[in-house]
C-alpha atoms as a PDB file:
ATOM      1  CA  MET A   1       7.013 -19.476  73.366  1.00  0.00           C
ATOM      2  CA  LYS A   2       6.484 -23.193  73.544  1.00  0.00           C
ATOM      3  CA  GLN A   3       3.681 -25.325  74.950  1.00  0.00           C
ATOM      4  CA  ILE A   4       4.540 -28.034  77.467  1.00  0.00           C
ATOM      5  CA  SER A   5       2.290 -30.890  78.522  1.00  0.00           C
ATOM      6  CA  ALA A   6       1.683 -31.687  82.169  1.00  0.00           C
ATOM      7  CA  LYS A   7       3.522 -35.008  81.790  1.00  0.00           C
ATOM      8  CA  ALA A   8       6.534 -33.333  80.150  1.00  0.00           C
ATOM      9  CA  LEU A   9       6.659 -30.725  82.923  1.00  0.00           C
ATOM     10  CA  LYS A  10       6.493 -33.472  85.555  1.00  0.00           C
ATOM     11  CA  ALA A  11       9.394 -35.264  83.834  1.00  0.00           C
ATOM     12  CA  LYS A  12      11.475 -32.061  83.879  1.00  0.00           C
ATOM     13  CA  LEU A  13      10.696 -31.466  87.550  1.00  0.00           C
ATOM     14  CA  ASP A  14      11.516 -35.092  88.438  1.00  0.00           C
ATOM     15  CA  ALA A  15      14.795 -34.859  86.501  1.00  0.00           C
ATOM     16  CA  GLY A  16      15.755 -31.771  88.484  1.00  0.00           C
ATOM     17  CA  ASP A  17      15.823 -29.516  85.435  1.00  0.00           C
ATOM     18  CA  LYS A  18      16.393 -25.915  86.392  1.00  0.00           C
ATOM     19  CA  LEU A  19      13.178 -24.046  85.695  1.00  0.00           C
ATOM     20  CA  GLU A  20      10.966 -21.442  87.286  1.00  0.00           C
ATOM     21  CA  LEU A  21       7.271 -22.323  87.531  1.00  0.00           C
ATOM     22  CA  PHE A  22       4.890 -19.386  87.883  1.00  0.00           C
ATOM     23  CA  ASP A  23       1.196 -19.613  88.768  1.00  0.00           C
ATOM     24  CA  VAL A  24      -0.739 -16.688  87.273  1.00  0.00           C
ATOM     25  CA  ARG A  25      -4.023 -17.482  89.041  1.00  0.00           C
ATOM     26  CA  THR A  26      -5.448 -15.621  92.021  1.00  0.00           C
ATOM     27  CA  PRO A  27      -4.421 -16.487  95.586  1.00  0.00           C
ATOM     28  CA  GLU A  28      -7.958 -17.837  96.096  1.00  0.00           C
ATOM     29  CA  GLU A  29      -7.616 -20.245  93.155  1.00  0.00           C
ATOM     30  CA  ARG A  30      -4.178 -21.257  94.344  1.00  0.00           C
ATOM     31  CA  ALA A  31      -5.640 -22.093  97.780  1.00  0.00           C
ATOM     32  CA  ILE A  32      -7.920 -24.622  96.069  1.00  0.00           C
ATOM     33  CA  ALA A  33      -5.191 -26.357  94.050  1.00  0.00           C
ATOM     34  CA  ALA A  34      -1.502 -25.751  93.414  1.00  0.00           C
ATOM     35  CA  ILE A  35       1.514 -27.445  91.911  1.00  0.00           C
ATOM     36  CA  ALA A  36       4.346 -27.892  94.399  1.00  0.00           C
ATOM     37  CA  LYS A  37       7.365 -25.720  93.551  1.00  0.00           C
ATOM     38  CA  SER A  38       5.226 -23.132  91.761  1.00  0.00           C
ATOM     39  CA  ARG A  39       5.455 -19.469  92.682  1.00  0.00           C
ATOM     40  CA  LEU A  40       2.493 -17.103  92.649  1.00  0.00           C
ATOM     41  CA  LEU A  41       2.972 -14.382  90.053  1.00  0.00           C
ATOM     42  CA  ASP A  42       1.959 -11.593  92.402  1.00  0.00           C
ATOM     43  CA  GLU A  43       3.988  -8.418  92.914  1.00  0.00           C
ATOM     44  CA  ALA A  44       6.770 -10.281  94.742  1.00  0.00           C
ATOM     45  CA  GLY A  45       6.754 -13.022  92.117  1.00  0.00           C
ATOM     46  CA  GLN A  46       7.032 -10.490  89.306  1.00  0.00           C
ATOM     47  CA  THR A  47       9.914  -8.727  91.045  1.00  0.00           C
ATOM     48  CA  TYR A  48      11.672 -12.073  91.422  1.00  0.00           C
ATOM     49  CA  LEU A  49      10.971 -13.034  87.798  1.00  0.00           C
ATOM     50  CA  LEU A  50      12.254  -9.747  86.392  1.00  0.00           C
ATOM     51  CA  GLY A  51      15.510 -10.273  88.314  1.00  0.00           C
ATOM     52  CA  LEU A  52      16.173 -13.600  86.566  1.00  0.00           C
ATOM     53  CA  ASP A  53      18.606 -14.086  83.714  1.00  0.00           C
ATOM     54  CA  ARG A  54      16.839 -13.750  80.366  1.00  0.00           C
ATOM     55  CA  GLU A  55      18.069 -17.285  79.525  1.00  0.00           C
ATOM     56  CA  ALA A  56      16.228 -18.816  82.514  1.00  0.00           C
ATOM     57  CA  THR A  57      13.585 -21.406  81.702  1.00  0.00           C
ATOM     58  CA  LEU A  58      10.169 -20.062  82.656  1.00  0.00           C
ATOM     59  CA  VAL A  59       6.953 -22.083  82.790  1.00  0.00           C
ATOM     60  CA  PHE A  60       3.622 -20.355  83.317  1.00  0.00           C
ATOM     61  CA  GLN A  61       0.434 -22.086  84.466  1.00  0.00           C
ATOM     62  CA  CYS A  62      -3.126 -21.135  85.255  1.00  0.00           C
ATOM     63  CA  HIS A  63      -6.416 -23.023  85.433  1.00  0.00           C
ATOM     64  CA  HIS A  64      -6.769 -24.094  81.783  1.00  0.00           C
ATOM     65  CA  GLY A  65      -3.798 -22.455  80.041  1.00  0.00           C
ATOM     66  CA  MET A  66      -5.280 -19.240  78.634  1.00  0.00           C
ATOM     67  CA  ARG A  67      -4.158 -16.665  81.215  1.00  0.00           C
ATOM     68  CA  SER A  68      -0.751 -18.301  81.432  1.00  0.00           C
ATOM     69  CA  GLN A  69      -0.442 -18.118  77.638  1.00  0.00           C
ATOM     70  CA  LYS A  70      -0.874 -14.327  77.849  1.00  0.00           C
ATOM     71  CA  ALA A  71       1.655 -14.101  80.688  1.00  0.00           C
ATOM     72  CA  ALA A  72       4.159 -16.189  78.723  1.00  0.00           C
ATOM     73  CA  GLU A  73       3.736 -13.931  75.688  1.00  0.00           C
ATOM     74  CA  HIS A  74       4.232 -10.847  77.892  1.00  0.00           C
ATOM     75  CA  PHE A  75       7.507 -12.124  79.322  1.00  0.00           C
ATOM     76  CA  LEU A  76       8.771 -13.124  75.889  1.00  0.00           C
ATOM     77  CA  LYS A  77       8.406  -9.440  75.006  1.00  0.00           C
ATOM     78  CA  GLN A  78      10.474  -8.645  78.112  1.00  0.00           C
ATOM     79  CA  GLY A  79      13.403 -10.502  76.546  1.00  0.00           C
ATOM     80  CA  PHE A  80      13.080 -13.950  78.110  1.00  0.00           C
ATOM     81  CA  LYS A  81      14.029 -16.654  75.615  1.00  0.00           C
ATOM     82  CA  ASN A  82      13.024 -20.005  77.162  1.00  0.00           C
ATOM     83  CA  VAL A  83       9.343 -19.539  77.897  1.00  0.00           C
ATOM     84  CA  TYR A  84       6.722 -22.281  78.170  1.00  0.00           C
ATOM     85  CA  ASN A  85       2.998 -22.408  78.783  1.00  0.00           C
ATOM     86  CA  LEU A  86       1.517 -25.412  80.601  1.00  0.00           C
ATOM     87  CA  GLU A  87      -1.039 -26.804  78.157  1.00  0.00           C
ATOM     88  CA  GLY A  88      -4.368 -27.283  79.906  1.00  0.00           C
ATOM     89  CA  GLY A  89      -3.114 -25.645  83.108  1.00  0.00           C
ATOM     90  CA  ILE A  90      -3.533 -27.133  86.535  1.00  0.00           C
ATOM     91  CA  ASP A  91      -6.628 -28.946  85.311  1.00  0.00           C
ATOM     92  CA  ALA A  92      -4.459 -31.021  82.956  1.00  0.00           C
ATOM     93  CA  TRP A  93      -1.932 -31.518  85.774  1.00  0.00           C
ATOM     94  CA  SER A  94      -4.676 -32.916  87.996  1.00  0.00           C
ATOM     95  CA  GLN A  95      -5.998 -35.219  85.275  1.00  0.00           C
ATOM     96  CA  SER A  96      -2.724 -36.596  83.920  1.00  0.00           C
ATOM     97  CA  VAL A  97      -0.086 -36.193  86.641  1.00  0.00           C
ATOM     98  CA  ASP A  98      -1.441 -35.786  90.157  1.00  0.00           C
ATOM     99  CA  PRO A  99      -5.091 -36.670  90.823  1.00  0.00           C
ATOM    100  CA  SER A 100      -4.683 -35.517  94.436  1.00  0.00           C
ATOM    101  CA  VAL A 101      -4.674 -31.947  93.112  1.00  0.00           C
ATOM    102  CA  ARG A 102      -8.265 -30.843  93.396  1.00  0.00           C
ATOM    103  CA  ARG A 103     -10.152 -29.979  90.205  1.00  0.00           C
ATOM    104  CA  TYR A 104     -12.476 -26.992  90.184  1.00  0.00           C
END
């Protein structure tokens, strides 16, 4: 599993790189602040994720990067090969990429 900075993730998204961005926070946290194009890793999100090719690029994010790190490690064990954790989570995204995303 690799770490990815908020700026590097933004560059990949802007370039149209094919990746799946999963938000491992609660729906309540997500209601406060979210990254566009991210998918909540709820039951439906997990079903979708497990149906992806094991070569798909997966990026996990949470508030500060700790919960998403655990999720990324879990899905590596499920056979996914291109797995990233957003360093600093949505907090880093808000500080270095999109200040309109509310910090909490």
